């Protein structure tokens, strides 16, 4: 009899997607635990699946805390992970692509001085992540791919800071009224 290959990240991601499609949020969220037990490293698609399952189970209000947990875990990220997080946190601002995101964030920073620095930080980190992603796609070496994931983690963190600053401004405005 022929021995089947051991499950890899693609196998586990398929299970994750199947659980999400079946709306089995707990099962989807437990896939990463099984991966860790088996020594299989997650990838950015795993992170996206976890984020989607978590938000569907607990709601968008709980998303920032889970996103911070992903950063603490150093979960792999890429442009799609950042875009998903942006859509979850700022659905009314999301555009067709990252250029739209940058333009909208810049306009918000120009309109609201208290948001300017967070806006600029996020815009810069997105641009850096995009540049490093192109280098990673054009390289077979693992270092550029690792740098790309790290840069998207920075953009992800700056997105959280941007949304936190927006929330703080909104709360201060409401308190002043």
C-alpha atoms as a PDB file:
ATOM      1  CA  UNK A   1       0.000   0.000   0.000  1.00  0.00           C
ATOM      2  CA  UNK A   2       1.120   3.472  -0.815  1.00  0.00           C
ATOM      3  CA  UNK A   3       1.642   5.832   2.126  1.00  0.00           C
ATOM      4  CA  UNK A   4      -0.261   9.113   1.921  1.00  0.00           C
ATOM      5  CA  UNK A   5       1.793  12.269   2.358  1.00  0.00           C
ATOM      6  CA  UNK A   6       1.539  14.117   5.653  1.00  0.00           C
ATOM      7  CA  UNK A   7      -0.901  17.022   5.683  1.00  0.00           C
ATOM      8  CA  UNK A   8       0.723  20.368   4.928  1.00  0.00           C
ATOM      9  CA  UNK A   9      -0.407  23.988   5.220  1.00  0.00           C
ATOM     10  CA  UNK A  10      -2.486  23.664   2.048  1.00  0.00           C
ATOM     11  CA  UNK A  11      -4.313  20.646   3.479  1.00  0.00           C
ATOM     12  CA  UNK A  12      -5.091  22.453   6.710  1.00  0.00           C
ATOM     13  CA  UNK A  13      -6.164  25.601   4.871  1.00  0.00           C
ATOM     14  CA  UNK A  14      -8.612  23.471   2.872  1.00  0.00           C
ATOM     15  CA  UNK A  15     -10.090  22.194   6.151  1.00  0.00           C
ATOM     16  CA  UNK A  16     -10.242  25.772   7.428  1.00  0.00           C
ATOM     17  CA  UNK A  17     -12.090  26.948   4.314  1.00  0.00           C
ATOM     18  CA  UNK A  18     -14.491  23.985   4.492  1.00  0.00           C
ATOM     19  CA  UNK A  19     -15.303  24.823   8.128  1.00  0.00           C
ATOM     20  CA  UNK A  20     -15.846  28.491   7.209  1.00  0.00           C
ATOM     21  CA  UNK A  21     -18.114  27.546   4.309  1.00  0.00           C
ATOM     22  CA  UNK A  22     -20.083  25.322   6.697  1.00  0.00           C
ATOM     23  CA  UNK A  23     -20.234  28.252   9.162  1.00  0.00           C
ATOM     24  CA  UNK A  24     -18.546  26.082  11.794  1.00  0.00           C
ATOM     25  CA  UNK A  25     -16.579  28.896  13.429  1.00  0.00           C
ATOM     26  CA  UNK A  26     -15.224  26.911  16.388  1.00  0.00           C
ATOM     27  CA  UNK A  27     -13.923  24.170  14.112  1.00  0.00           C
ATOM     28  CA  UNK A  28     -12.351  26.751  11.810  1.00  0.00           C
ATOM     29  CA  UNK A  29     -10.628  28.464  14.717  1.00  0.00           C
ATOM     30  CA  UNK A  30      -9.316  25.144  16.080  1.00  0.00           C
ATOM     31  CA  UNK A  31      -7.494  24.249  12.839  1.00  0.00           C
ATOM     32  CA  UNK A  32      -4.467  26.331  13.838  1.00  0.00           C
ATOM     33  CA  UNK A  33      -4.197  24.458  17.142  1.00  0.00           C
ATOM     34  CA  UNK A  34      -4.025  21.174  15.241  1.00  0.00           C
ATOM     35  CA  UNK A  35      -1.440  22.663  12.880  1.00  0.00           C
ATOM     36  CA  UNK A  36       0.715  23.689  15.841  1.00  0.00           C
ATOM     37  CA  UNK A  37       0.418  20.196  17.358  1.00  0.00           C
ATOM     38  CA  UNK A  38       1.552  18.674  14.054  1.00  0.00           C
ATOM     39  CA  UNK A  39       4.365  21.202  13.530  1.00  0.00           C
ATOM     40  CA  UNK A  40       2.804  22.727  10.404  1.00  0.00           C
ATOM     41  CA  UNK A  41       3.455  26.458  10.055  1.00  0.00           C
ATOM     42  CA  UNK A  42       0.460  28.599   9.038  1.00  0.00           C
ATOM     43  CA  UNK A  43       0.658  31.014   6.121  1.00  0.00           C
ATOM     44  CA  UNK A  44      -1.140  34.269   5.338  1.00  0.00           C
ATOM     45  CA  UNK A  45      -4.161  32.385   3.979  1.00  0.00           C
ATOM     46  CA  UNK A  46      -4.431  30.654   7.355  1.00  0.00           C
ATOM     47  CA  UNK A  47      -4.399  34.060   9.054  1.00  0.00           C
ATOM     48  CA  UNK A  48      -7.140  35.316   6.736  1.00  0.00           C
ATOM     49  CA  UNK A  49      -9.279  32.273   7.485  1.00  0.00           C
ATOM     50  CA  UNK A  50      -8.817  32.711  11.223  1.00  0.00           C
ATOM     51  CA  UNK A  51      -9.736  36.389  10.995  1.00  0.00           C
ATOM     52  CA  UNK A  52     -12.843  35.645   8.942  1.00  0.00           C
ATOM     53  CA  UNK A  53     -13.975  32.888  11.321  1.00  0.00           C
ATOM     54  CA  UNK A  54     -13.330  35.031  14.388  1.00  0.00           C
ATOM     55  CA  UNK A  55     -15.258  38.039  13.082  1.00  0.00           C
ATOM     56  CA  UNK A  56     -18.161  35.844  12.026  1.00  0.00           C
ATOM     57  CA  UNK A  57     -18.288  34.185  15.434  1.00  0.00           C
ATOM     58  CA  UNK A  58     -17.706  37.201  17.690  1.00  0.00           C
ATOM     59  CA  UNK A  59     -18.610  40.218  15.532  1.00  0.00           C
ATOM     60  CA  UNK A  60     -16.656  43.150  14.154  1.00  0.00           C
ATOM     61  CA  UNK A  61     -16.469  44.941  17.508  1.00  0.00           C
ATOM     62  CA  UNK A  62     -14.170  42.171  18.751  1.00  0.00           C
ATOM     63  CA  UNK A  63     -11.958  42.326  15.653  1.00  0.00           C
ATOM     64  CA  UNK A  64      -9.337  44.839  16.910  1.00  0.00           C
ATOM     65  CA  UNK A  65      -8.497  42.712  19.960  1.00  0.00           C
ATOM     66  CA  UNK A  66      -8.136  39.593  17.807  1.00  0.00           C
ATOM     67  CA  UNK A  67      -6.036  41.514  15.277  1.00  0.00           C
ATOM     68  CA  UNK A  68      -3.695  42.556  18.092  1.00  0.00           C
ATOM     69  CA  UNK A  69      -3.489  38.896  19.121  1.00  0.00           C
ATOM     70  CA  UNK A  70      -2.507  37.976  15.552  1.00  0.00           C
ATOM     71  CA  UNK A  71       0.252  40.587  15.697  1.00  0.00           C
ATOM     72  CA  UNK A  72       1.461  39.254  19.048  1.00  0.00           C
ATOM     73  CA  UNK A  73       1.546  35.736  17.592  1.00  0.00           C
ATOM     74  CA  UNK A  74       3.426  37.115  14.570  1.00  0.00           C
ATOM     75  CA  UNK A  75       0.845  35.470  12.320  1.00  0.00           C
ATOM     76  CA  UNK A  76       1.905  35.541   8.657  1.00  0.00           C
ATOM     77  CA  UNK A  77       0.365  38.420   6.695  1.00  0.00           C
ATOM     78  CA  UNK A  78       0.243  39.727   3.171  1.00  0.00           C
ATOM     79  CA  UNK A  79      -1.648  42.315   1.139  1.00  0.00           C
ATOM     80  CA  UNK A  80      -4.838  40.237   1.186  1.00  0.00           C
ATOM     81  CA  UNK A  81      -4.670  39.970   4.999  1.00  0.00           C
ATOM     82  CA  UNK A  82      -4.274  43.746   5.299  1.00  0.00           C
ATOM     83  CA  UNK A  83      -7.101  44.366   2.828  1.00  0.00           C
ATOM     84  CA  UNK A  84      -9.398  42.015   4.735  1.00  0.00           C
ATOM     85  CA  UNK A  85      -8.588  43.770   8.012  1.00  0.00           C
ATOM     86  CA  UNK A  86      -9.211  47.164   6.419  1.00  0.00           C
ATOM     87  CA  UNK A  87     -12.587  46.022   5.085  1.00  0.00           C
ATOM     88  CA  UNK A  88     -13.557  44.725   8.518  1.00  0.00           C
ATOM     89  CA  UNK A  89     -12.441  47.807  10.440  1.00  0.00           C
ATOM     90  CA  UNK A  90     -13.343  50.524   7.941  1.00  0.00           C
ATOM     91  CA  UNK A  91     -15.923  49.125   5.513  1.00  0.00           C
ATOM     92  CA  UNK A  92     -17.171  52.563   4.453  1.00  0.00           C
ATOM     93  CA  UNK A  93     -13.664  53.689   3.482  1.00  0.00           C
ATOM     94  CA  UNK A  94     -12.493  50.687   1.532  1.00  0.00           C
ATOM     95  CA  UNK A  95     -11.954  51.327  -2.155  1.00  0.00           C
ATOM     96  CA  UNK A  96     -11.174  49.176  -5.142  1.00  0.00           C
ATOM     97  CA  UNK A  97      -7.469  48.889  -4.314  1.00  0.00           C
ATOM     98  CA  UNK A  98      -4.741  50.087  -1.980  1.00  0.00           C
ATOM     99  CA  UNK A  99      -4.308  53.320  -3.952  1.00  0.00           C
ATOM    100  CA  UNK A 100      -7.907  54.180  -3.015  1.00  0.00           C
ATOM    101  CA  UNK A 101      -7.188  53.280   0.611  1.00  0.00           C
ATOM    102  CA  UNK A 102      -4.156  55.572   0.663  1.00  0.00           C
ATOM    103  CA  UNK A 103      -6.058  58.446  -0.955  1.00  0.00           C
ATOM    104  CA  UNK A 104      -8.951  58.164   1.490  1.00  0.00           C
ATOM    105  CA  UNK A 105      -6.638  57.891   4.497  1.00  0.00           C
ATOM    106  CA  UNK A 106      -4.640  60.901   3.316  1.00  0.00           C
ATOM    107  CA  UNK A 107      -7.800  62.958   2.826  1.00  0.00           C
ATOM    108  CA  UNK A 108      -8.950  62.035   6.329  1.00  0.00           C
ATOM    109  CA  UNK A 109      -5.576  63.021   7.775  1.00  0.00           C
ATOM    110  CA  UNK A 110      -5.674  66.355   5.968  1.00  0.00           C
ATOM    111  CA  UNK A 111      -9.216  67.017   7.143  1.00  0.00           C
ATOM    112  CA  UNK A 112      -8.603  66.036  10.780  1.00  0.00           C
ATOM    113  CA  UNK A 113      -5.217  67.187  12.182  1.00  0.00           C
ATOM    114  CA  UNK A 114      -5.427  64.749  15.127  1.00  0.00           C
ATOM    115  CA  UNK A 115      -5.533  61.901  12.604  1.00  0.00           C
ATOM    116  CA  UNK A 116      -2.706  63.186  10.399  1.00  0.00           C
ATOM    117  CA  UNK A 117       0.220  61.285  11.947  1.00  0.00           C
ATOM    118  CA  UNK A 118      -1.630  57.959  12.143  1.00  0.00           C
ATOM    119  CA  UNK A 119      -2.753  58.455   8.545  1.00  0.00           C
ATOM    120  CA  UNK A 120       0.769  59.170   7.307  1.00  0.00           C
ATOM    121  CA  UNK A 121       2.191  56.202   9.220  1.00  0.00           C
ATOM    122  CA  UNK A 122      -0.349  53.853   7.674  1.00  0.00           C
ATOM    123  CA  UNK A 123       0.149  55.243   4.167  1.00  0.00           C
ATOM    124  CA  UNK A 124       3.932  54.865   4.432  1.00  0.00           C
ATOM    125  CA  UNK A 125       3.744  51.348   5.819  1.00  0.00           C
ATOM    126  CA  UNK A 126       1.367  50.269   3.033  1.00  0.00           C
ATOM    127  CA  UNK A 127       3.742  51.666   0.401  1.00  0.00           C
ATOM    128  CA  UNK A 128       6.737  49.923   2.027  1.00  0.00           C
ATOM    129  CA  UNK A 129       4.842  46.630   2.256  1.00  0.00           C
ATOM    130  CA  UNK A 130       3.819  46.834  -1.399  1.00  0.00           C
ATOM    131  CA  UNK A 131       7.422  47.452  -2.457  1.00  0.00           C
ATOM    132  CA  UNK A 132       8.751  44.561  -0.396  1.00  0.00           C
ATOM    133  CA  UNK A 133       5.971  42.290  -1.692  1.00  0.00           C
ATOM    134  CA  UNK A 134       7.099  42.905  -5.270  1.00  0.00           C
ATOM    135  CA  UNK A 135      10.678  42.046  -4.284  1.00  0.00           C
ATOM    136  CA  UNK A 136       9.479  38.886  -2.555  1.00  0.00           C
ATOM    137  CA  UNK A 137       7.485  37.762  -5.598  1.00  0.00           C
ATOM    138  CA  UNK A 138      10.580  38.198  -7.745  1.00  0.00           C
ATOM    139  CA  UNK A 139      12.826  36.211  -5.406  1.00  0.00           C
ATOM    140  CA  UNK A 140      13.139  32.550  -4.550  1.00  0.00           C
ATOM    141  CA  UNK A 141      14.956  33.435  -1.325  1.00  0.00           C
ATOM    142  CA  UNK A 142      13.003  33.271   1.955  1.00  0.00           C
ATOM    143  CA  UNK A 143      14.374  36.534   3.416  1.00  0.00           C
ATOM    144  CA  UNK A 144      12.457  38.847   1.046  1.00  0.00           C
ATOM    145  CA  UNK A 145       9.294  36.827   1.710  1.00  0.00           C
ATOM    146  CA  UNK A 146       9.845  37.148   5.453  1.00  0.00           C
ATOM    147  CA  UNK A 147      10.489  40.895   5.088  1.00  0.00           C
ATOM    148  CA  UNK A 148       7.274  41.217   3.097  1.00  0.00           C
ATOM    149  CA  UNK A 149       5.237  39.524   5.835  1.00  0.00           C
ATOM    150  CA  UNK A 150       6.924  41.706   8.469  1.00  0.00           C
ATOM    151  CA  UNK A 151       6.122  44.851   6.502  1.00  0.00           C
ATOM    152  CA  UNK A 152       2.457  43.852   6.183  1.00  0.00           C
ATOM    153  CA  UNK A 153       2.427  43.275   9.941  1.00  0.00           C
ATOM    154  CA  UNK A 154       3.621  46.874  10.355  1.00  0.00           C
ATOM    155  CA  UNK A 155       0.884  48.112   8.009  1.00  0.00           C
ATOM    156  CA  UNK A 156      -1.631  45.998   9.935  1.00  0.00           C
ATOM    157  CA  UNK A 157      -0.429  47.542  13.215  1.00  0.00           C
ATOM    158  CA  UNK A 158      -0.619  51.054  11.729  1.00  0.00           C
ATOM    159  CA  UNK A 159      -4.159  50.305  10.540  1.00  0.00           C
ATOM    160  CA  UNK A 160      -5.118  49.401  14.100  1.00  0.00           C
ATOM    161  CA  UNK A 161      -3.523  52.619  15.367  1.00  0.00           C
ATOM    162  CA  UNK A 162      -5.362  54.634  12.692  1.00  0.00           C
ATOM    163  CA  UNK A 163      -8.734  53.129  13.625  1.00  0.00           C
ATOM    164  CA  UNK A 164      -8.017  53.559  17.340  1.00  0.00           C
ATOM    165  CA  UNK A 165      -7.207  57.232  16.744  1.00  0.00           C
ATOM    166  CA  UNK A 166     -10.417  57.638  14.724  1.00  0.00           C
ATOM    167  CA  UNK A 167     -12.409  56.094  17.572  1.00  0.00           C
ATOM    168  CA  UNK A 168     -10.736  58.358  20.119  1.00  0.00           C
ATOM    169  CA  UNK A 169     -11.573  61.467  18.061  1.00  0.00           C
ATOM    170  CA  UNK A 170     -15.177  60.290  17.650  1.00  0.00           C
ATOM    171  CA  UNK A 171     -15.519  59.672  21.403  1.00  0.00           C
ATOM    172  CA  UNK A 172     -13.977  63.064  22.283  1.00  0.00           C
ATOM    173  CA  UNK A 173     -16.357  64.780  19.859  1.00  0.00           C
ATOM    174  CA  UNK A 174     -19.365  63.003  21.364  1.00  0.00           C
ATOM    175  CA  UNK A 175     -18.224  63.814  24.911  1.00  0.00           C
ATOM    176  CA  UNK A 176     -17.867  67.502  24.011  1.00  0.00           C
ATOM    177  CA  UNK A 177     -21.448  67.706  22.776  1.00  0.00           C
END
